[in-house]
């Protein structure tokens, strides 16, 4: 009985160690917004979102709110560290929001 208990305790310890080591996380940094820029020919709106990953590969999608619709979505992958995901652009001006999320 003691051998069974010791074996079970050792197995739980080993499994717990692997689980805690592999519990990577990723978060949005809270830096999400939109800008209006000029490229020399026309004005355009673009959205951005910053995300952080401690090692797990993640994909971040950023979309721009314009004319009451979420549009101009674009996805960026990151394997570690902080990344800024920029949306596609929409010509003109008038964007009133941006969002970023993990996909």
PDB file of N, CA and C in Angstrom:
ATOM      1  N   UNK A   1       0.820  -1.197   0.000  1.00  0.00           N
ATOM      2  CA  UNK A   1       0.000   0.000   0.000  1.00  0.00           C
ATOM      3  C   UNK A   1       0.867   1.265   0.000  1.00  0.00           C
ATOM      4  N   UNK A   2       1.960   1.232   0.783  1.00  0.00           N
ATOM      5  CA  UNK A   2       2.844   2.392   0.831  1.00  0.00           C
ATOM      6  C   UNK A   2       3.482   2.639  -0.528  1.00  0.00           C
ATOM      7  N   UNK A   3       3.880   1.553  -1.221  1.00  0.00           N
ATOM      8  CA  UNK A   3       4.491   1.713  -2.540  1.00  0.00           C
ATOM      9  C   UNK A   3       3.507   2.345  -3.518  1.00  0.00           C
ATOM     10  N   UNK A   4       2.257   1.949  -3.456  1.00  0.00           N
ATOM     11  CA  UNK A   4       1.230   2.511  -4.336  1.00  0.00           C
ATOM     12  C   UNK A   4       1.035   3.997  -4.044  1.00  0.00           C
ATOM     13  N   UNK A   5       0.998   4.350  -2.774  1.00  0.00           N
ATOM     14  CA  UNK A   5       0.819   5.755  -2.382  1.00  0.00           C
ATOM     15  C   UNK A   5       2.021   6.595  -2.821  1.00  0.00           C
ATOM     16  N   UNK A   6       3.226   6.079  -2.628  1.00  0.00           N
ATOM     17  CA  UNK A   6       4.434   6.807  -3.033  1.00  0.00           C
ATOM     18  C   UNK A   6       4.462   6.962  -4.546  1.00  0.00           C
ATOM     19  N   UNK A   7       4.106   5.916  -5.281  1.00  0.00           N
ATOM     20  CA  UNK A   7       4.082   5.975  -6.738  1.00  0.00           C
ATOM     21  C   UNK A   7       3.057   7.002  -7.226  1.00  0.00           C
ATOM     22  N   UNK A   8       1.874   6.993  -6.623  1.00  0.00           N
ATOM     23  CA  UNK A   8       0.833   7.950  -7.015  1.00  0.00           C
ATOM     24  C   UNK A   8       1.265   9.377  -6.706  1.00  0.00           C
ATOM     25  N   UNK A   9       1.889   9.586  -5.553  1.00  0.00           N
ATOM     26  CA  UNK A   9       2.353  10.920  -5.169  1.00  0.00           C
ATOM     27  C   UNK A   9       3.455  11.403  -6.120  1.00  0.00           C
ATOM     28  N   UNK A  10       4.362  10.523  -6.472  1.00  0.00           N
ATOM     29  CA  UNK A  10       5.439  10.884  -7.406  1.00  0.00           C
ATOM     30  C   UNK A  10       4.861  11.226  -8.777  1.00  0.00           C
ATOM     31  N   UNK A  11       3.891  10.450  -9.235  1.00  0.00           N
ATOM     32  CA  UNK A  11       3.267  10.717 -10.542  1.00  0.00           C
ATOM     33  C   UNK A  11       2.573  12.076 -10.537  1.00  0.00           C
ATOM     34  N   UNK A  12       1.858  12.375  -9.476  1.00  0.00           N
ATOM     35  CA  UNK A  12       1.168  13.674  -9.385  1.00  0.00           C
ATOM     36  C   UNK A  12       2.172  14.828  -9.377  1.00  0.00           C
ATOM     37  N   UNK A  13       3.280  14.652  -8.681  1.00  0.00           N
ATOM     38  CA  UNK A  13       4.303  15.696  -8.628  1.00  0.00           C
ATOM     39  C   UNK A  13       4.916  15.927 -10.001  1.00  0.00           C
ATOM     40  N   UNK A  14       5.226  14.869 -10.703  1.00  0.00           N
ATOM     41  CA  UNK A  14       5.827  14.991 -12.033  1.00  0.00           C
ATOM     42  C   UNK A  14       4.846  15.644 -13.003  1.00  0.00           C
ATOM     43  N   UNK A  15       3.611  15.182 -13.011  1.00  0.00           N
ATOM     44  CA  UNK A  15       2.598  15.753 -13.905  1.00  0.00           C
ATOM     45  C   UNK A  15       2.360  17.226 -13.569  1.00  0.00           C
ATOM     46  N   UNK A  16       2.296  17.549 -12.292  1.00  0.00           N
ATOM     47  CA  UNK A  16       2.111  18.938 -11.878  1.00  0.00           C
ATOM     48  C   UNK A  16       3.261  19.827 -12.302  1.00  0.00           C
ATOM     49  N   UNK A  17       4.483  19.298 -12.245  1.00  0.00           N
ATOM     50  CA  UNK A  17       5.652  20.076 -12.668  1.00  0.00           C
ATOM     51  C   UNK A  17       5.588  20.381 -14.155  1.00  0.00           C
ATOM     52  N   UNK A  18       5.276  19.380 -14.975  1.00  0.00           N
ATOM     53  CA  UNK A  18       5.156  19.618 -16.415  1.00  0.00           C
ATOM     54  C   UNK A  18       4.027  20.590 -16.725  1.00  0.00           C
ATOM     55  N   UNK A  19       2.922  20.457 -16.044  1.00  0.00           N
ATOM     56  CA  UNK A  19       1.777  21.332 -16.309  1.00  0.00           C
ATOM     57  C   UNK A  19       2.103  22.780 -15.965  1.00  0.00           C
ATOM     58  N   UNK A  20       2.774  23.006 -14.854  1.00  0.00           N
ATOM     59  CA  UNK A  20       3.068  24.395 -14.467  1.00  0.00           C
ATOM     60  C   UNK A  20       4.110  25.025 -15.377  1.00  0.00           C
ATOM     61  N   UNK A  21       5.049  24.216 -15.879  1.00  0.00           N
ATOM     62  CA  UNK A  21       6.052  24.743 -16.794  1.00  0.00           C
ATOM     63  C   UNK A  21       5.415  25.122 -18.128  1.00  0.00           C
ATOM     64  N   UNK A  22       4.444  24.352 -18.573  1.00  0.00           N
ATOM     65  CA  UNK A  22       3.856  24.593 -19.893  1.00  0.00           C
ATOM     66  C   UNK A  22       2.652  25.530 -19.859  1.00  0.00           C
ATOM     67  N   UNK A  23       2.360  26.143 -18.736  1.00  0.00           N
ATOM     68  CA  UNK A  23       1.220  27.054 -18.664  1.00  0.00           C
ATOM     69  C   UNK A  23       1.637  28.444 -19.136  1.00  0.00           C
ATOM     70  N   UNK A  24       1.901  28.562 -20.412  1.00  0.00           N
ATOM     71  CA  UNK A  24       2.260  29.849 -20.996  1.00  0.00           C
ATOM     72  C   UNK A  24       1.010  30.720 -21.076  1.00  0.00           C
ATOM     73  N   UNK A  25       1.207  32.001 -21.169  1.00  0.00           N
ATOM     74  CA  UNK A  25       0.051  32.889 -21.247  1.00  0.00           C
ATOM     75  C   UNK A  25       0.265  33.949 -22.305  1.00  0.00           C
ATOM     76  N   UNK A  26      -0.823  34.562 -22.723  1.00  0.00           N
ATOM     77  CA  UNK A  26      -0.769  35.669 -23.654  1.00  0.00           C
ATOM     78  C   UNK A  26      -1.880  36.640 -23.300  1.00  0.00           C
ATOM     79  N   UNK A  27      -1.587  37.923 -23.467  1.00  0.00           N
ATOM     80  CA  UNK A  27      -2.542  38.960 -23.098  1.00  0.00           C
ATOM     81  C   UNK A  27      -2.504  40.099 -24.105  1.00  0.00           C
ATOM     82  N   UNK A  28      -3.596  40.822 -24.195  1.00  0.00           N
ATOM     83  CA  UNK A  28      -3.585  42.097 -24.899  1.00  0.00           C
ATOM     84  C   UNK A  28      -2.976  43.102 -23.926  1.00  0.00           C
ATOM     85  N   UNK A  29      -2.172  44.006 -24.421  1.00  0.00           N
ATOM     86  CA  UNK A  29      -1.503  44.952 -23.536  1.00  0.00           C
ATOM     87  C   UNK A  29      -2.378  46.152 -23.183  1.00  0.00           C
ATOM     88  N   UNK A  30      -3.539  46.257 -23.800  1.00  0.00           N
ATOM     89  CA  UNK A  30      -4.396  47.398 -23.537  1.00  0.00           C
ATOM     90  C   UNK A  30      -4.157  48.541 -24.502  1.00  0.00           C
ATOM     91  N   UNK A  31      -3.177  48.408 -25.371  1.00  0.00           N
ATOM     92  CA  UNK A  31      -2.870  49.450 -26.345  1.00  0.00           C
ATOM     93  C   UNK A  31      -3.565  49.108 -27.662  1.00  0.00           C
ATOM     94  N   UNK A  32      -4.785  49.582 -27.811  1.00  0.00           N
ATOM     95  CA  UNK A  32      -5.587  49.351 -29.016  1.00  0.00           C
ATOM     96  C   UNK A  32      -6.129  50.698 -29.474  1.00  0.00           C
ATOM     97  N   UNK A  33      -6.049  50.971 -30.766  1.00  0.00           N
ATOM     98  CA  UNK A  33      -6.539  52.251 -31.253  1.00  0.00           C
ATOM     99  C   UNK A  33      -6.545  52.320 -32.763  1.00  0.00           C
ATOM    100  N   UNK A  34      -6.781  53.520 -33.274  1.00  0.00           N
ATOM    101  CA  UNK A  34      -6.790  53.724 -34.719  1.00  0.00           C
ATOM    102  C   UNK A  34      -6.170  55.072 -35.040  1.00  0.00           C
ATOM    103  N   UNK A  35      -5.708  55.194 -36.268  1.00  0.00           N
ATOM    104  CA  UNK A  35      -5.059  56.424 -36.711  1.00  0.00           C
ATOM    105  C   UNK A  35      -5.540  56.769 -38.110  1.00  0.00           C
ATOM    106  N   UNK A  36      -5.438  58.047 -38.439  1.00  0.00           N
ATOM    107  CA  UNK A  36      -5.670  58.493 -39.804  1.00  0.00           C
ATOM    108  C   UNK A  36      -4.327  58.980 -40.316  1.00  0.00           C
ATOM    109  N   UNK A  37      -3.917  58.441 -41.466  1.00  0.00           N
ATOM    110  CA  UNK A  37      -2.599  58.768 -42.016  1.00  0.00           C
ATOM    111  C   UNK A  37      -2.737  59.244 -43.459  1.00  0.00           C
ATOM    112  N   UNK A  38      -1.657  59.847 -43.928  1.00  0.00           N
ATOM    113  CA  UNK A  38      -1.591  60.319 -45.310  1.00  0.00           C
ATOM    114  C   UNK A  38      -0.390  59.668 -45.966  1.00  0.00           C
ATOM    115  N   UNK A  39      -0.562  59.041 -47.111  1.00  0.00           N
ATOM    116  CA  UNK A  39       0.542  58.339 -47.766  1.00  0.00           C
ATOM    117  C   UNK A  39       1.150  59.121 -48.940  1.00  0.00           C
ATOM    118  N   UNK A  40       0.807  60.369 -49.092  1.00  0.00           N
ATOM    119  CA  UNK A  40       1.307  61.180 -50.195  1.00  0.00           C
ATOM    120  C   UNK A  40       0.300  61.325 -51.315  1.00  0.00           C
ATOM    121  N   UNK A  41      -0.666  60.426 -51.352  1.00  0.00           N
ATOM    122  CA  UNK A  41      -1.711  60.488 -52.381  1.00  0.00           C
ATOM    123  C   UNK A  41      -3.098  60.625 -51.781  1.00  0.00           C
ATOM    124  N   UNK A  42      -3.353  59.930 -50.687  1.00  0.00           N
ATOM    125  CA  UNK A  42      -4.679  59.973 -50.068  1.00  0.00           C
ATOM    126  C   UNK A  42      -4.585  59.669 -48.573  1.00  0.00           C
ATOM    127  N   UNK A  43      -5.635  60.020 -47.860  1.00  0.00           N
ATOM    128  CA  UNK A  43      -5.744  59.711 -46.437  1.00  0.00           C
ATOM    129  C   UNK A  43      -6.354  58.325 -46.277  1.00  0.00           C
ATOM    130  N   UNK A  44      -5.972  57.648 -45.207  1.00  0.00           N
ATOM    131  CA  UNK A  44      -6.538  56.332 -44.910  1.00  0.00           C
ATOM    132  C   UNK A  44      -6.568  56.113 -43.402  1.00  0.00           C
ATOM    133  N   UNK A  45      -7.468  55.233 -42.972  1.00  0.00           N
ATOM    134  CA  UNK A  45      -7.568  54.843 -41.570  1.00  0.00           C
ATOM    135  C   UNK A  45      -6.918  53.477 -41.394  1.00  0.00           C
ATOM    136  N   UNK A  46      -6.315  53.292 -40.236  1.00  0.00           N
ATOM    137  CA  UNK A  46      -5.691  52.011 -39.908  1.00  0.00           C
ATOM    138  C   UNK A  46      -5.859  51.772 -38.411  1.00  0.00           C
ATOM    139  N   UNK A  47      -6.091  50.531 -38.025  1.00  0.00           N
ATOM    140  CA  UNK A  47      -6.233  50.166 -36.619  1.00  0.00           C
ATOM    141  C   UNK A  47      -5.026  49.376 -36.151  1.00  0.00           C
ATOM    142  N   UNK A  48      -4.820  49.329 -34.841  1.00  0.00           N
ATOM    143  CA  UNK A  48      -3.707  48.564 -34.294  1.00  0.00           C
ATOM    144  C   UNK A  48      -4.070  47.998 -32.928  1.00  0.00           C
ATOM    145  N   UNK A  49      -3.402  46.910 -32.573  1.00  0.00           N
ATOM    146  CA  UNK A  49      -3.543  46.305 -31.252  1.00  0.00           C
ATOM    147  C   UNK A  49      -2.215  45.674 -30.877  1.00  0.00           C
ATOM    148  N   UNK A  50      -1.800  45.863 -29.635  1.00  0.00           N
ATOM    149  CA  UNK A  50      -0.572  45.243 -29.153  1.00  0.00           C
ATOM    150  C   UNK A  50      -0.933  44.035 -28.295  1.00  0.00           C
ATOM    151  N   UNK A  51      -0.159  42.970 -28.467  1.00  0.00           N
ATOM    152  CA  UNK A  51      -0.386  41.748 -27.702  1.00  0.00           C
ATOM    153  C   UNK A  51       0.951  41.218 -27.215  1.00  0.00           C
ATOM    154  N   UNK A  52       0.891  40.406 -26.162  1.00  0.00           N
ATOM    155  CA  UNK A  52       2.091  39.806 -25.585  1.00  0.00           C
ATOM    156  C   UNK A  52       1.895  38.307 -25.457  1.00  0.00           C
ATOM    157  N   UNK A  53       2.936  37.549 -25.770  1.00  0.00           N
ATOM    158  CA  UNK A  53       2.944  36.107 -25.549  1.00  0.00           C
ATOM    159  C   UNK A  53       4.260  35.738 -24.883  1.00  0.00           C
ATOM    160  N   UNK A  54       4.203  34.830 -23.915  1.00  0.00           N
ATOM    161  CA  UNK A  54       5.442  34.438 -23.233  1.00  0.00           C
ATOM    162  C   UNK A  54       6.082  33.214 -23.869  1.00  0.00           C
ATOM    163  N   UNK A  55       5.649  32.820 -25.045  1.00  0.00           N
ATOM    164  CA  UNK A  55       6.306  31.713 -25.714  1.00  0.00           C
ATOM    165  C   UNK A  55       5.380  30.865 -26.566  1.00  0.00           C
ATOM    166  N   UNK A  56       4.123  30.770 -26.196  1.00  0.00           N
ATOM    167  CA  UNK A  56       3.171  30.040 -27.031  1.00  0.00           C
ATOM    168  C   UNK A  56       2.895  30.846 -28.286  1.00  0.00           C
ATOM    169  N   UNK A  57       2.852  30.189 -29.430  1.00  0.00           N
ATOM    170  CA  UNK A  57       2.520  30.895 -30.676  1.00  0.00           C
ATOM    171  C   UNK A  57       1.051  31.289 -30.622  1.00  0.00           C
ATOM    172  N   UNK A  58       0.771  32.544 -30.879  1.00  0.00           N
ATOM    173  CA  UNK A  58      -0.604  33.044 -30.891  1.00  0.00           C
ATOM    174  C   UNK A  58      -0.834  33.821 -32.173  1.00  0.00           C
ATOM    175  N   UNK A  59      -2.099  34.007 -32.500  1.00  0.00           N
ATOM    176  CA  UNK A  59      -2.484  34.827 -33.650  1.00  0.00           C
ATOM    177  C   UNK A  59      -3.401  35.929 -33.151  1.00  0.00           C
ATOM    178  N   UNK A  60      -3.104  37.154 -33.561  1.00  0.00           N
ATOM    179  CA  UNK A  60      -3.868  38.327 -33.148  1.00  0.00           C
ATOM    180  C   UNK A  60      -4.572  38.896 -34.377  1.00  0.00           C
ATOM    181  N   UNK A  61      -5.849  39.221 -34.226  1.00  0.00           N
ATOM    182  CA  UNK A  61      -6.595  39.856 -35.310  1.00  0.00           C
ATOM    183  C   UNK A  61      -6.979  41.260 -34.873  1.00  0.00           C
ATOM    184  N   UNK A  62      -6.775  42.205 -35.773  1.00  0.00           N
ATOM    185  CA  UNK A  62      -7.163  43.597 -35.530  1.00  0.00           C
ATOM    186  C   UNK A  62      -8.154  44.017 -36.595  1.00  0.00           C
ATOM    187  N   UNK A  63      -9.219  44.682 -36.157  1.00  0.00           N
ATOM    188  CA  UNK A  63     -10.250  45.184 -37.068  1.00  0.00           C
ATOM    189  C   UNK A  63     -10.505  46.649 -36.777  1.00  0.00           C
ATOM    190  N   UNK A  64     -11.005  47.328 -37.784  1.00  0.00           N
ATOM    191  CA  UNK A  64     -11.270  48.761 -37.714  1.00  0.00           C
ATOM    192  C   UNK A  64     -12.772  48.991 -37.792  1.00  0.00           C
ATOM    193  N   UNK A  65     -13.312  49.827 -36.899  1.00  0.00           N
ATOM    194  CA  UNK A  65     -14.732  50.174 -36.922  1.00  0.00           C
ATOM    195  C   UNK A  65     -14.914  51.438 -37.751  1.00  0.00           C
ATOM    196  N   UNK A  66     -15.604  51.284 -38.853  1.00  0.00           N
ATOM    197  CA  UNK A  66     -15.844  52.422 -39.733  1.00  0.00           C
ATOM    198  C   UNK A  66     -17.202  52.235 -40.391  1.00  0.00           C
ATOM    199  N   UNK A  67     -17.978  53.310 -40.445  1.00  0.00           N
ATOM    200  CA  UNK A  67     -19.326  53.281 -41.014  1.00  0.00           C
ATOM    201  C   UNK A  67     -20.203  52.227 -40.343  1.00  0.00           C
ATOM    202  N   UNK A  68     -20.011  52.050 -39.036  1.00  0.00           N
ATOM    203  CA  UNK A  68     -20.830  51.132 -38.253  1.00  0.00           C
ATOM    204  C   UNK A  68     -20.519  49.659 -38.462  1.00  0.00           C
ATOM    205  N   UNK A  69     -19.424  49.334 -39.176  1.00  0.00           N
ATOM    206  CA  UNK A  69     -19.070  47.935 -39.431  1.00  0.00           C
ATOM    207  C   UNK A  69     -17.628  47.675 -39.019  1.00  0.00           C
ATOM    208  N   UNK A  70     -17.380  46.476 -38.478  1.00  0.00           N
ATOM    209  CA  UNK A  70     -16.016  46.038 -38.222  1.00  0.00           C
ATOM    210  C   UNK A  70     -15.463  45.511 -39.528  1.00  0.00           C
ATOM    211  N   UNK A  71     -14.357  46.088 -39.985  1.00  0.00           N
ATOM    212  CA  UNK A  71     -13.810  45.726 -41.287  1.00  0.00           C
ATOM    213  C   UNK A  71     -12.299  45.898 -41.293  1.00  0.00           C
ATOM    214  N   UNK A  72     -11.686  45.633 -42.434  1.00  0.00           N
ATOM    215  CA  UNK A  72     -10.239  45.771 -42.641  1.00  0.00           C
ATOM    216  C   UNK A  72      -9.449  44.854 -41.720  1.00  0.00           C
ATOM    217  N   UNK A  73     -10.001  43.685 -41.407  1.00  0.00           N
ATOM    218  CA  UNK A  73      -9.320  42.758 -40.513  1.00  0.00           C
ATOM    219  C   UNK A  73      -8.018  42.225 -41.084  1.00  0.00           C
ATOM    220  N   UNK A  74      -7.081  41.995 -40.185  1.00  0.00           N
ATOM    221  CA  UNK A  74      -5.799  41.412 -40.563  1.00  0.00           C
ATOM    222  C   UNK A  74      -5.272  40.619 -39.377  1.00  0.00           C
ATOM    223  N   UNK A  75      -4.595  39.506 -39.647  1.00  0.00           N
ATOM    224  CA  UNK A  75      -4.080  38.627 -38.593  1.00  0.00           C
ATOM    225  C   UNK A  75      -2.557  38.627 -38.621  1.00  0.00           C
ATOM    226  N   UNK A  76      -1.956  38.700 -37.434  1.00  0.00           N
ATOM    227  CA  UNK A  76      -0.505  38.632 -37.273  1.00  0.00           C
ATOM    228  C   UNK A  76      -0.200  37.539 -36.271  1.00  0.00           C
ATOM    229  N   UNK A  77       0.845  36.752 -36.521  1.00  0.00           N
ATOM    230  CA  UNK A  77       1.268  35.716 -35.575  1.00  0.00           C
ATOM    231  C   UNK A  77       2.480  36.179 -34.789  1.00  0.00           C
ATOM    232  N   UNK A  78       2.574  35.716 -33.557  1.00  0.00           N
ATOM    233  CA  UNK A  78       3.737  36.022 -32.719  1.00  0.00           C
ATOM    234  C   UNK A  78       4.076  34.776 -31.911  1.00  0.00           C
ATOM    235  N   UNK A  79       5.361  34.481 -31.784  1.00  0.00           N
ATOM    236  CA  UNK A  79       5.754  33.307 -31.017  1.00  0.00           C
ATOM    237  C   UNK A  79       6.257  33.680 -29.625  1.00  0.00           C
ATOM    238  N   UNK A  80       6.734  34.875 -29.440  1.00  0.00           N
ATOM    239  CA  UNK A  80       7.171  35.307 -28.114  1.00  0.00           C
ATOM    240  C   UNK A  80       7.367  36.816 -28.113  1.00  0.00           C
ATOM    241  N   UNK A  81       7.057  37.432 -27.001  1.00  0.00           N
ATOM    242  CA  UNK A  81       7.268  38.864 -26.852  1.00  0.00           C
ATOM    243  C   UNK A  81       6.046  39.684 -27.221  1.00  0.00           C
ATOM    244  N   UNK A  82       6.269  40.969 -27.468  1.00  0.00           N
ATOM    245  CA  UNK A  82       5.195  41.898 -27.783  1.00  0.00           C
ATOM    246  C   UNK A  82       5.156  42.142 -29.279  1.00  0.00           C
ATOM    247  N   UNK A  83       3.964  42.173 -29.829  1.00  0.00           N
ATOM    248  CA  UNK A  83       3.791  42.427 -31.255  1.00  0.00           C
ATOM    249  C   UNK A  83       2.674  43.449 -31.427  1.00  0.00           C
ATOM    250  N   UNK A  84       2.799  44.302 -32.437  1.00  0.00           N
ATOM    251  CA  UNK A  84       1.715  45.195 -32.822  1.00  0.00           C
ATOM    252  C   UNK A  84       1.109  44.654 -34.102  1.00  0.00           C
ATOM    253  N   UNK A  85      -0.175  44.392 -34.071  1.00  0.00           N
ATOM    254  CA  UNK A  85      -0.894  43.920 -35.243  1.00  0.00           C
ATOM    255  C   UNK A  85      -1.619  45.116 -35.854  1.00  0.00           C
ATOM    256  N   UNK A  86      -1.296  45.435 -37.104  1.00  0.00           N
ATOM    257  CA  UNK A  86      -1.940  46.542 -37.816  1.00  0.00           C
ATOM    258  C   UNK A  86      -3.032  45.982 -38.707  1.00  0.00           C
ATOM    259  N   UNK A  87      -4.169  46.629 -38.745  1.00  0.00           N
ATOM    260  CA  UNK A  87      -5.251  46.204 -39.629  1.00  0.00           C
ATOM    261  C   UNK A  87      -4.912  46.563 -41.063  1.00  0.00           C
ATOM    262  N   UNK A  88      -5.691  46.054 -41.987  1.00  0.00           N
ATOM    263  CA  UNK A  88      -5.620  46.572 -43.350  1.00  0.00           C
ATOM    264  C   UNK A  88      -6.117  48.012 -43.319  1.00  0.00           C
ATOM    265  N   UNK A  89      -5.922  48.740 -44.382  1.00  0.00           N
ATOM    266  CA  UNK A  89      -6.302  50.154 -44.412  1.00  0.00           C
ATOM    267  C   UNK A  89      -7.619  50.355 -45.153  1.00  0.00           C
ATOM    268  N   UNK A  90      -8.283  51.449 -44.819  1.00  0.00           N
ATOM    269  CA  UNK A  90      -9.502  51.863 -45.524  1.00  0.00           C
ATOM    270  C   UNK A  90      -9.291  53.320 -45.935  1.00  0.00           C
ATOM    271  N   UNK A  91      -9.415  53.577 -47.197  1.00  0.00           N
ATOM    272  CA  UNK A  91      -9.174  54.922 -47.715  1.00  0.00           C
ATOM    273  C   UNK A  91     -10.189  55.904 -47.149  1.00  0.00           C
ATOM    274  N   UNK A  92      -9.742  57.113 -46.900  1.00  0.00           N
ATOM    275  CA  UNK A  92     -10.604  58.171 -46.374  1.00  0.00           C
ATOM    276  C   UNK A  92     -10.363  58.386 -44.895  1.00  0.00           C
ATOM    277  N   UNK A  93     -11.370  58.872 -44.211  1.00  0.00           N
ATOM    278  CA  UNK A  93     -11.277  59.098 -42.773  1.00  0.00           C
ATOM    279  C   UNK A  93     -12.635  58.800 -42.153  1.00  0.00           C
ATOM    280  N   UNK A  94     -12.690  58.832 -40.850  1.00  0.00           N
ATOM    281  CA  UNK A  94     -13.952  58.626 -40.150  1.00  0.00           C
ATOM    282  C   UNK A  94     -14.028  57.368 -39.322  1.00  0.00           C
ATOM    283  N   UNK A  95     -12.925  56.638 -39.173  1.00  0.00           N
ATOM    284  CA  UNK A  95     -12.940  55.470 -38.284  1.00  0.00           C
ATOM    285  C   UNK A  95     -13.225  55.938 -36.866  1.00  0.00           C
ATOM    286  N   UNK A  96     -13.970  55.136 -36.135  1.00  0.00           N
ATOM    287  CA  UNK A  96     -14.274  55.529 -34.749  1.00  0.00           C
ATOM    288  C   UNK A  96     -14.019  54.420 -33.761  1.00  0.00           C
ATOM    289  N   UNK A  97     -13.148  53.490 -34.107  1.00  0.00           N
ATOM    290  CA  UNK A  97     -12.780  52.460 -33.142  1.00  0.00           C
ATOM    291  C   UNK A  97     -11.933  51.371 -33.775  1.00  0.00           C
ATOM    292  N   UNK A  98     -11.276  50.607 -32.916  1.00  0.00           N
ATOM    293  CA  UNK A  98     -10.499  49.453 -33.344  1.00  0.00           C
ATOM    294  C   UNK A  98     -10.591  48.419 -32.224  1.00  0.00           C
ATOM    295  N   UNK A  99     -10.387  47.156 -32.582  1.00  0.00           N
ATOM    296  CA  UNK A  99     -10.363  46.103 -31.578  1.00  0.00           C
ATOM    297  C   UNK A  99      -9.317  45.068 -31.986  1.00  0.00           C
ATOM    298  N   UNK A 100      -8.789  44.414 -31.006  1.00  0.00           N
ATOM    299  CA  UNK A 100      -7.840  43.338 -31.237  1.00  0.00           C
ATOM    300  C   UNK A 100      -8.219  42.172 -30.361  1.00  0.00           C
ATOM    301  N   UNK A 101      -8.058  40.960 -30.880  1.00  0.00           N
ATOM    302  CA  UNK A 101      -8.367  39.769 -30.099  1.00  0.00           C
ATOM    303  C   UNK A 101      -7.573  38.594 -30.626  1.00  0.00           C
ATOM    304  N   UNK A 102      -7.484  37.533 -29.822  1.00  0.00           N
ATOM    305  CA  UNK A 102      -6.762  36.345 -30.207  1.00  0.00           C
ATOM    306  C   UNK A 102      -7.660  35.434 -31.041  1.00  0.00           C
ATOM    307  N   UNK A 103      -7.095  34.870 -32.106  1.00  0.00           N
ATOM    308  CA  UNK A 103      -7.851  33.934 -32.952  1.00  0.00           C
ATOM    309  C   UNK A 103      -7.153  32.591 -32.985  1.00  0.00           C
TER     310      UNK A 103
END
